[in-house]
Amino acid sequence: MRLAVLADAHANLPALNAVLDEVGKEGCDEIIHLGDAIGIGPYPAECLDRLLKTPRVSMIMGNHEAHLAFGLPKSSESWDRRELDHYRWVRRQIRPSLRKAATKLPYQLTREAGGMKILFLHYPLDESGGFARIPSRDQTPADLDRLFAPSKEGLVFYGHTHRQSDVMGRARYVNPGCLGVGREPVAPFAFLVLGGGPSYTIERRAVTYDDHELLEEFKRRKVPDRDRIIHTFFGR
């Protein structure tokens, strides 16, 4: 079995198209997107629609999909006005049928091969039911063991942090990297290849894409908070 694992497309349609085209050329049994297909970039509806319509894609709920599906959390009352304007803009771009589809996304998926269980999720939830806070530093094996407790899977794929990582603790914790946000127009993802037994391999991949259209579209669509977003997330 061969699975393509993607994370955090963040409304970057050129990057998402480049990855899905590459995956389509190589072939796989399932594509799993680990959440946050929307938010930040200028193509929220297009990215959500592309993933929902692509065969063999399984999507997971990220914090941006949760905001779209269920509304902003109470803590958003203290958020910066520019950030709130952006979330509201994202919601206006997405037609009701896509919003309804977002409400049905699971918070996690599991797969099993050769007696090994694999967990796929955006990020663990905290006691309030929201996504746990991302630490400012790289997480140690002990940090990740605590974060993902009490899950029993031996292999965990997650996103949310935008940091590509592969850490061995009680389980192996893998973040394939943020597909849609980065200072270079390079979109990372991973293939998980499962054998007949408990053995597996993880193949890290990345494709380049043309970000000129992406950056221009921020302006054409008058995306709220675009100057800060382009500087912070794309280094321009």
C-alpha atoms as a PDB file:
ATOM      1  CA  MET A   1       0.000   0.000   0.000  1.00  0.00           C
ATOM      2  CA  ARG A   2       1.268   3.448  -0.930  1.00  0.00           C
ATOM      3  CA  LEU A   3      -0.113   6.579   0.719  1.00  0.00           C
ATOM      4  CA  ALA A   4       0.696  10.213  -0.064  1.00  0.00           C
ATOM      5  CA  VAL A   5       0.646  12.391   3.050  1.00  0.00           C
ATOM      6  CA  LEU A   6       0.168  16.167   2.660  1.00  0.00           C
ATOM      7  CA  ALA A   7      -0.215  18.875   5.275  1.00  0.00           C
ATOM      8  CA  ASP A   8      -1.259  22.519   5.463  1.00  0.00           C
ATOM      9  CA  ALA A   9      -2.062  23.508   1.868  1.00  0.00           C
ATOM     10  CA  HIS A  10      -3.226  26.863   3.301  1.00  0.00           C
ATOM     11  CA  ALA A  11      -5.154  28.049   0.241  1.00  0.00           C
ATOM     12  CA  ASN A  12      -2.059  27.895  -1.992  1.00  0.00           C
ATOM     13  CA  LEU A  13      -3.565  26.415  -5.145  1.00  0.00           C
ATOM     14  CA  PRO A  14      -0.394  26.453  -7.318  1.00  0.00           C
ATOM     15  CA  ALA A  15       1.482  24.457  -4.654  1.00  0.00           C
ATOM     16  CA  LEU A  16      -1.404  22.041  -4.105  1.00  0.00           C
ATOM     17  CA  ASN A  17      -1.830  21.470  -7.836  1.00  0.00           C
ATOM     18  CA  ALA A  18       1.896  20.812  -8.230  1.00  0.00           C
ATOM     19  CA  VAL A  19       1.863  18.187  -5.467  1.00  0.00           C
ATOM     20  CA  LEU A  20      -1.329  16.481  -6.639  1.00  0.00           C
ATOM     21  CA  ASP A  21      -0.007  16.376 -10.200  1.00  0.00           C
ATOM     22  CA  GLU A  22       3.222  14.759  -8.983  1.00  0.00           C
ATOM     23  CA  VAL A  23       1.345  12.252  -6.837  1.00  0.00           C
ATOM     24  CA  GLY A  24      -0.913  11.455  -9.776  1.00  0.00           C
ATOM     25  CA  LYS A  25       2.094  10.674 -11.978  1.00  0.00           C
ATOM     26  CA  GLU A  26       3.610   8.319  -9.411  1.00  0.00           C
ATOM     27  CA  GLY A  27       0.322   6.790  -8.276  1.00  0.00           C
ATOM     28  CA  CYS A  28      -0.861   5.845  -4.809  1.00  0.00           C
ATOM     29  CA  ASP A  29      -3.708   4.066  -3.060  1.00  0.00           C
ATOM     30  CA  GLU A  30      -4.771   7.016  -0.902  1.00  0.00           C
ATOM     31  CA  ILE A  31      -3.945  10.677  -0.384  1.00  0.00           C
ATOM     32  CA  ILE A  32      -4.322  12.038   3.155  1.00  0.00           C
ATOM     33  CA  HIS A  33      -4.363  15.784   3.792  1.00  0.00           C
ATOM     34  CA  LEU A  34      -3.628  16.547   7.440  1.00  0.00           C
ATOM     35  CA  GLY A  35      -5.741  19.695   7.773  1.00  0.00           C
ATOM     36  CA  ASP A  36      -5.626  23.436   7.091  1.00  0.00           C
ATOM     37  CA  ALA A  37      -6.454  23.318   3.408  1.00  0.00           C
ATOM     38  CA  ILE A  38      -7.681  26.914   3.798  1.00  0.00           C
ATOM     39  CA  GLY A  39      -6.543  30.106   5.501  1.00  0.00           C
ATOM     40  CA  ILE A  40      -3.535  32.365   4.762  1.00  0.00           C
ATOM     41  CA  GLY A  41      -3.498  32.001   0.958  1.00  0.00           C
ATOM     42  CA  PRO A  42      -5.791  33.587  -1.644  1.00  0.00           C
ATOM     43  CA  TYR A  43      -7.465  30.398  -2.934  1.00  0.00           C
ATOM     44  CA  PRO A  44      -9.497  28.948  -0.022  1.00  0.00           C
ATOM     45  CA  ALA A  45     -12.519  27.760  -2.024  1.00  0.00           C
ATOM     46  CA  GLU A  46     -10.427  26.372  -4.871  1.00  0.00           C
ATOM     47  CA  CYS A  47      -8.162  24.344  -2.573  1.00  0.00           C
ATOM     48  CA  LEU A  48     -11.028  22.927  -0.572  1.00  0.00           C
ATOM     49  CA  ASP A  49     -12.924  22.075  -3.750  1.00  0.00           C
ATOM     50  CA  ARG A  50      -9.875  20.471  -5.400  1.00  0.00           C
ATOM     51  CA  LEU A  51      -9.209  18.188  -2.457  1.00  0.00           C
ATOM     52  CA  LEU A  52     -12.844  17.195  -2.051  1.00  0.00           C
ATOM     53  CA  LYS A  53     -13.149  16.318  -5.744  1.00  0.00           C
ATOM     54  CA  THR A  54      -9.852  14.457  -6.130  1.00  0.00           C
ATOM     55  CA  PRO A  55     -10.309  10.655  -6.074  1.00  0.00           C
ATOM     56  CA  ARG A  56      -8.971   8.724  -3.072  1.00  0.00           C
ATOM     57  CA  VAL A  57      -8.358  11.849  -0.973  1.00  0.00           C
ATOM     58  CA  SER A  58      -9.109  11.690   2.752  1.00  0.00           C
ATOM     59  CA  MET A  59      -9.217  15.063   4.503  1.00  0.00           C
ATOM     60  CA  ILE A  60      -8.722  15.771   8.198  1.00  0.00           C
ATOM     61  CA  MET A  61     -10.083  18.692  10.220  1.00  0.00           C
ATOM     62  CA  GLY A  62      -7.559  21.440  10.867  1.00  0.00           C
ATOM     63  CA  ASN A  63      -8.047  24.556  12.949  1.00  0.00           C
ATOM     64  CA  HIS A  64      -8.920  26.613   9.861  1.00  0.00           C
ATOM     65  CA  GLU A  65     -11.572  24.104   8.762  1.00  0.00           C
ATOM     66  CA  ALA A  66     -12.941  24.076  12.323  1.00  0.00           C
ATOM     67  CA  HIS A  67     -13.240  27.881  12.263  1.00  0.00           C
ATOM     68  CA  LEU A  68     -15.076  27.651   8.941  1.00  0.00           C
ATOM     69  CA  ALA A  69     -17.374  24.834  10.032  1.00  0.00           C
ATOM     70  CA  PHE A  70     -18.181  25.858  13.599  1.00  0.00           C
ATOM     71  CA  GLY A  71     -17.235  29.524  13.902  1.00  0.00           C
ATOM     72  CA  LEU A  72     -14.347  31.241  15.627  1.00  0.00           C
ATOM     73  CA  PRO A  73     -13.579  30.225  19.233  1.00  0.00           C
ATOM     74  CA  LYS A  74     -14.343  32.538  22.143  1.00  0.00           C
ATOM     75  CA  SER A  75     -10.638  33.305  22.443  1.00  0.00           C
ATOM     76  CA  SER A  76     -10.844  35.097  19.080  1.00  0.00           C
ATOM     77  CA  GLU A  77     -12.295  38.102  20.910  1.00  0.00           C
ATOM     78  CA  SER A  78      -8.714  39.022  21.806  1.00  0.00           C
ATOM     79  CA  TRP A  79      -7.289  38.447  18.307  1.00  0.00           C
ATOM     80  CA  ASP A  80      -5.853  41.228  16.180  1.00  0.00           C
ATOM     81  CA  ARG A  81      -8.500  42.943  14.034  1.00  0.00           C
ATOM     82  CA  ARG A  82      -6.531  42.235  10.848  1.00  0.00           C
ATOM     83  CA  GLU A  83      -6.498  38.525  11.651  1.00  0.00           C
ATOM     84  CA  LEU A  84     -10.248  38.536  12.286  1.00  0.00           C
ATOM     85  CA  ASP A  85     -10.839  40.353   8.997  1.00  0.00           C
ATOM     86  CA  HIS A  86      -8.882  37.638   7.204  1.00  0.00           C
ATOM     87  CA  TYR A  87     -10.912  34.804   8.754  1.00  0.00           C
ATOM     88  CA  ARG A  88     -14.142  36.564   7.825  1.00  0.00           C
ATOM     89  CA  TRP A  89     -12.913  37.057   4.270  1.00  0.00           C
ATOM     90  CA  VAL A  90     -12.083  33.346   3.991  1.00  0.00           C
ATOM     91  CA  ARG A  91     -15.582  32.427   5.098  1.00  0.00           C
ATOM     92  CA  ARG A  92     -17.150  34.727   2.504  1.00  0.00           C
ATOM     93  CA  GLN A  93     -15.180  33.040  -0.295  1.00  0.00           C
ATOM     94  CA  ILE A  94     -16.511  29.575   0.456  1.00  0.00           C
ATOM     95  CA  ARG A  95     -19.974  28.584  -0.718  1.00  0.00           C
ATOM     96  CA  PRO A  96     -22.400  26.927   1.738  1.00  0.00           C
ATOM     97  CA  SER A  97     -22.017  23.446   0.230  1.00  0.00           C
ATOM     98  CA  LEU A  98     -18.264  23.510   0.906  1.00  0.00           C
ATOM     99  CA  ARG A  99     -18.843  24.831   4.429  1.00  0.00           C
ATOM    100  CA  LYS A 100     -21.214  21.913   5.025  1.00  0.00           C
ATOM    101  CA  ALA A 101     -18.596  19.461   3.731  1.00  0.00           C
ATOM    102  CA  ALA A 102     -16.101  20.916   6.206  1.00  0.00           C
ATOM    103  CA  THR A 103     -18.383  20.083   9.150  1.00  0.00           C
ATOM    104  CA  LYS A 104     -18.068  16.382   8.282  1.00  0.00           C
ATOM    105  CA  LEU A 105     -14.291  16.172   8.346  1.00  0.00           C
ATOM    106  CA  PRO A 106     -12.854  13.879  11.038  1.00  0.00           C
ATOM    107  CA  TYR A 107     -10.296  15.110  13.550  1.00  0.00           C
ATOM    108  CA  GLN A 108      -8.187  12.013  13.019  1.00  0.00           C
ATOM    109  CA  LEU A 109      -7.898   8.868  10.920  1.00  0.00           C
ATOM    110  CA  THR A 110      -6.236   5.549  11.597  1.00  0.00           C
ATOM    111  CA  ARG A 111      -4.928   2.956   9.200  1.00  0.00           C
ATOM    112  CA  GLU A 112      -3.504  -0.498   9.904  1.00  0.00           C
ATOM    113  CA  ALA A 113      -1.055  -2.635   7.957  1.00  0.00           C
ATOM    114  CA  GLY A 114       0.824  -5.733   9.041  1.00  0.00           C
ATOM    115  CA  GLY A 115      -0.354  -5.363  12.623  1.00  0.00           C
ATOM    116  CA  MET A 116       0.923  -1.778  12.868  1.00  0.00           C
ATOM    117  CA  LYS A 117      -1.506   1.062  13.544  1.00  0.00           C
ATOM    118  CA  ILE A 118      -0.912   4.510  12.061  1.00  0.00           C
ATOM    119  CA  LEU A 119      -2.510   7.729  13.288  1.00  0.00           C
ATOM    120  CA  PHE A 120      -3.123  10.755  11.055  1.00  0.00           C
ATOM    121  CA  LEU A 121      -4.265  14.071  12.564  1.00  0.00           C
ATOM    122  CA  HIS A 122      -3.720  17.801  12.294  1.00  0.00           C
ATOM    123  CA  TYR A 123      -2.612  18.246  15.904  1.00  0.00           C
ATOM    124  CA  PRO A 124      -3.810  17.033  19.309  1.00  0.00           C
ATOM    125  CA  LEU A 125      -6.665  18.808  21.065  1.00  0.00           C
ATOM    126  CA  ASP A 126      -6.320  20.428  24.477  1.00  0.00           C
ATOM    127  CA  GLU A 127      -8.658  20.154  27.463  1.00  0.00           C
ATOM    128  CA  SER A 128     -10.941  22.878  26.087  1.00  0.00           C
ATOM    129  CA  GLY A 129     -11.487  20.974  22.836  1.00  0.00           C
ATOM    130  CA  GLY A 130      -9.358  23.350  20.763  1.00  0.00           C
ATOM    131  CA  PHE A 131      -6.042  22.551  19.163  1.00  0.00           C
ATOM    132  CA  ALA A 132      -3.109  22.476  21.565  1.00  0.00           C
ATOM    133  CA  ARG A 133      -0.722  25.407  21.606  1.00  0.00           C
ATOM    134  CA  ILE A 134       2.384  25.082  19.440  1.00  0.00           C
ATOM    135  CA  PRO A 135       5.604  25.551  21.453  1.00  0.00           C
ATOM    136  CA  SER A 136       8.148  28.072  20.218  1.00  0.00           C
ATOM    137  CA  ARG A 137      10.981  25.536  20.273  1.00  0.00           C
ATOM    138  CA  ASP A 138      11.477  22.197  18.542  1.00  0.00           C
ATOM    139  CA  GLN A 139       9.756  19.395  20.421  1.00  0.00           C
ATOM    140  CA  THR A 140      11.772  16.620  22.037  1.00  0.00           C
ATOM    141  CA  PRO A 141      10.723  12.947  22.027  1.00  0.00           C
ATOM    142  CA  ALA A 142       9.441  13.369  25.611  1.00  0.00           C
ATOM    143  CA  ASP A 143       7.433  16.450  24.567  1.00  0.00           C
ATOM    144  CA  LEU A 144       5.790  14.545  21.738  1.00  0.00           C
ATOM    145  CA  ASP A 145       5.109  11.505  23.912  1.00  0.00           C
ATOM    146  CA  ARG A 146       3.193  13.756  26.320  1.00  0.00           C
ATOM    147  CA  LEU A 147       1.454  15.660  23.525  1.00  0.00           C
ATOM    148  CA  PHE A 148       0.173  12.566  21.743  1.00  0.00           C
ATOM    149  CA  ALA A 149      -0.697  10.533  24.846  1.00  0.00           C
ATOM    150  CA  PRO A 150      -2.752   8.387  25.246  1.00  0.00           C
ATOM    151  CA  SER A 151      -2.619   7.297  21.572  1.00  0.00           C
ATOM    152  CA  LYS A 152      -1.263   3.770  21.097  1.00  0.00           C
ATOM    153  CA  GLU A 153      -0.252   3.929  17.436  1.00  0.00           C
ATOM    154  CA  GLY A 154       3.364   3.241  16.568  1.00  0.00           C
ATOM    155  CA  LEU A 155       3.498   5.803  13.758  1.00  0.00           C
ATOM    156  CA  VAL A 156       1.929   9.268  13.881  1.00  0.00           C
ATOM    157  CA  PHE A 157       1.637  11.796  11.049  1.00  0.00           C
ATOM    158  CA  TYR A 158       0.677  15.356  11.974  1.00  0.00           C
ATOM    159  CA  GLY A 159       0.837  18.936  10.656  1.00  0.00           C
ATOM    160  CA  HIS A 160      -0.034  22.370  12.090  1.00  0.00           C
ATOM    161  CA  THR A 161       3.456  23.431  13.211  1.00  0.00           C
ATOM    162  CA  HIS A 162       4.714  24.124   9.659  1.00  0.00           C
ATOM    163  CA  ARG A 163       7.976  22.428  10.692  1.00  0.00           C
ATOM    164  CA  GLN A 164       9.164  19.352   8.853  1.00  0.00           C
ATOM    165  CA  SER A 165      10.300  16.806  11.431  1.00  0.00           C
ATOM    166  CA  ASP A 166      10.793  13.121  12.133  1.00  0.00           C
ATOM    167  CA  VAL A 167      11.230  12.223  15.812  1.00  0.00           C
ATOM    168  CA  MET A 168      11.386   8.821  17.490  1.00  0.00           C
ATOM    169  CA  GLY A 169       9.868   8.581  20.946  1.00  0.00           C
ATOM    170  CA  ARG A 170       7.337   6.081  22.234  1.00  0.00           C
ATOM    171  CA  ALA A 171       6.091   6.259  18.645  1.00  0.00           C
ATOM    172  CA  ARG A 172       7.596   7.733  15.499  1.00  0.00           C
ATOM    173  CA  TYR A 173       6.221  11.247  14.972  1.00  0.00           C
ATOM    174  CA  VAL A 174       6.403  12.621  11.428  1.00  0.00           C
ATOM    175  CA  ASN A 175       5.449  16.040  10.116  1.00  0.00           C
ATOM    176  CA  PRO A 176       5.785  16.053   6.300  1.00  0.00           C
ATOM    177  CA  GLY A 177       6.123  19.841   6.293  1.00  0.00           C
ATOM    178  CA  CYS A 178       3.849  22.680   5.286  1.00  0.00           C
ATOM    179  CA  LEU A 179       2.832  22.337   1.653  1.00  0.00           C
ATOM    180  CA  GLY A 180       1.398  25.815   1.140  1.00  0.00           C
ATOM    181  CA  VAL A 181       3.571  28.219   3.140  1.00  0.00           C
ATOM    182  CA  GLY A 182       7.294  28.825   2.882  1.00  0.00           C
ATOM    183  CA  ARG A 183       9.944  31.335   1.940  1.00  0.00           C
ATOM    184  CA  GLU A 184      10.803  29.372  -1.190  1.00  0.00           C
ATOM    185  CA  PRO A 185       8.275  28.088  -3.769  1.00  0.00           C
ATOM    186  CA  VAL A 186       8.828  24.476  -2.738  1.00  0.00           C
ATOM    187  CA  ALA A 187       5.993  22.214  -1.569  1.00  0.00           C
ATOM    188  CA  PRO A 188       6.993  19.234   0.610  1.00  0.00           C
ATOM    189  CA  PHE A 189       5.012  16.033   1.134  1.00  0.00           C
ATOM    190  CA  ALA A 190       5.718  12.373   1.847  1.00  0.00           C
ATOM    191  CA  PHE A 191       4.945   8.902   0.585  1.00  0.00           C
ATOM    192  CA  LEU A 192       4.294   6.190   3.143  1.00  0.00           C
ATOM    193  CA  VAL A 193       4.931   2.749   1.640  1.00  0.00           C
ATOM    194  CA  LEU A 194       3.561  -0.155   3.655  1.00  0.00           C
ATOM    195  CA  GLY A 195       4.757  -3.710   3.138  1.00  0.00           C
ATOM    196  CA  GLY A 196       2.993  -6.970   3.890  1.00  0.00           C
ATOM    197  CA  GLY A 197       4.271  -6.990   7.485  1.00  0.00           C
ATOM    198  CA  PRO A 198       5.034  -4.286  10.041  1.00  0.00           C
ATOM    199  CA  SER A 199       7.813  -2.832   7.873  1.00  0.00           C
ATOM    200  CA  TYR A 200       7.360   0.481   6.081  1.00  0.00           C
ATOM    201  CA  THR A 201       9.341   3.241   4.412  1.00  0.00           C
ATOM    202  CA  ILE A 202       8.776   6.999   4.368  1.00  0.00           C
ATOM    203  CA  GLU A 203       9.886   8.804   1.235  1.00  0.00           C
ATOM    204  CA  ARG A 204      10.183  12.579   1.629  1.00  0.00           C
ATOM    205  CA  ARG A 205       9.447  14.521  -1.532  1.00  0.00           C
ATOM    206  CA  ALA A 206       9.127  18.133  -2.616  1.00  0.00           C
ATOM    207  CA  VAL A 207       8.072  19.859  -5.822  1.00  0.00           C
ATOM    208  CA  THR A 208       8.656  23.406  -6.981  1.00  0.00           C
ATOM    209  CA  TYR A 209       5.886  25.676  -8.222  1.00  0.00           C
ATOM    210  CA  ASP A 210       5.549  29.141  -9.729  1.00  0.00           C
ATOM    211  CA  ASP A 211       4.615  31.534  -6.920  1.00  0.00           C
ATOM    212  CA  HIS A 212       4.231  34.632  -9.143  1.00  0.00           C
ATOM    213  CA  GLU A 213       0.528  33.988  -9.703  1.00  0.00           C
ATOM    214  CA  LEU A 214       0.023  33.275  -5.995  1.00  0.00           C
ATOM    215  CA  LEU A 215       1.553  36.570  -4.872  1.00  0.00           C
ATOM    216  CA  GLU A 216      -0.330  38.561  -7.506  1.00  0.00           C
ATOM    217  CA  GLU A 217      -3.614  36.955  -6.512  1.00  0.00           C
ATOM    218  CA  PHE A 218      -3.286  38.281  -2.961  1.00  0.00           C
ATOM    219  CA  LYS A 219      -3.520  41.751  -4.464  1.00  0.00           C
ATOM    220  CA  ARG A 220      -6.144  41.029  -7.120  1.00  0.00           C
ATOM    221  CA  ARG A 221      -8.486  39.502  -4.553  1.00  0.00           C
ATOM    222  CA  LYS A 222      -7.692  42.168  -1.954  1.00  0.00           C
ATOM    223  CA  VAL A 223      -6.993  39.543   0.698  1.00  0.00           C
ATOM    224  CA  PRO A 224      -7.186  41.186   4.145  1.00  0.00           C
ATOM    225  CA  ASP A 225      -3.857  41.448   5.986  1.00  0.00           C
ATOM    226  CA  ARG A 226      -2.032  40.456   2.801  1.00  0.00           C
ATOM    227  CA  ASP A 227       1.087  42.562   3.371  1.00  0.00           C
ATOM    228  CA  ARG A 228       1.782  40.980   6.760  1.00  0.00           C
ATOM    229  CA  ILE A 229       0.912  37.494   5.452  1.00  0.00           C
ATOM    230  CA  ILE A 230       3.209  37.793   2.430  1.00  0.00           C
ATOM    231  CA  HIS A 231       6.068  39.055   4.590  1.00  0.00           C
ATOM    232  CA  THR A 232       5.607  36.627   7.486  1.00  0.00           C
ATOM    233  CA  PHE A 233       4.788  33.446   5.606  1.00  0.00           C
ATOM    234  CA  PHE A 234       6.501  33.932   2.244  1.00  0.00           C
ATOM    235  CA  GLY A 235       9.387  36.234   3.143  1.00  0.00           C
ATOM    236  CA  ARG A 236       8.585  38.848   0.485  1.00  0.00           C
END
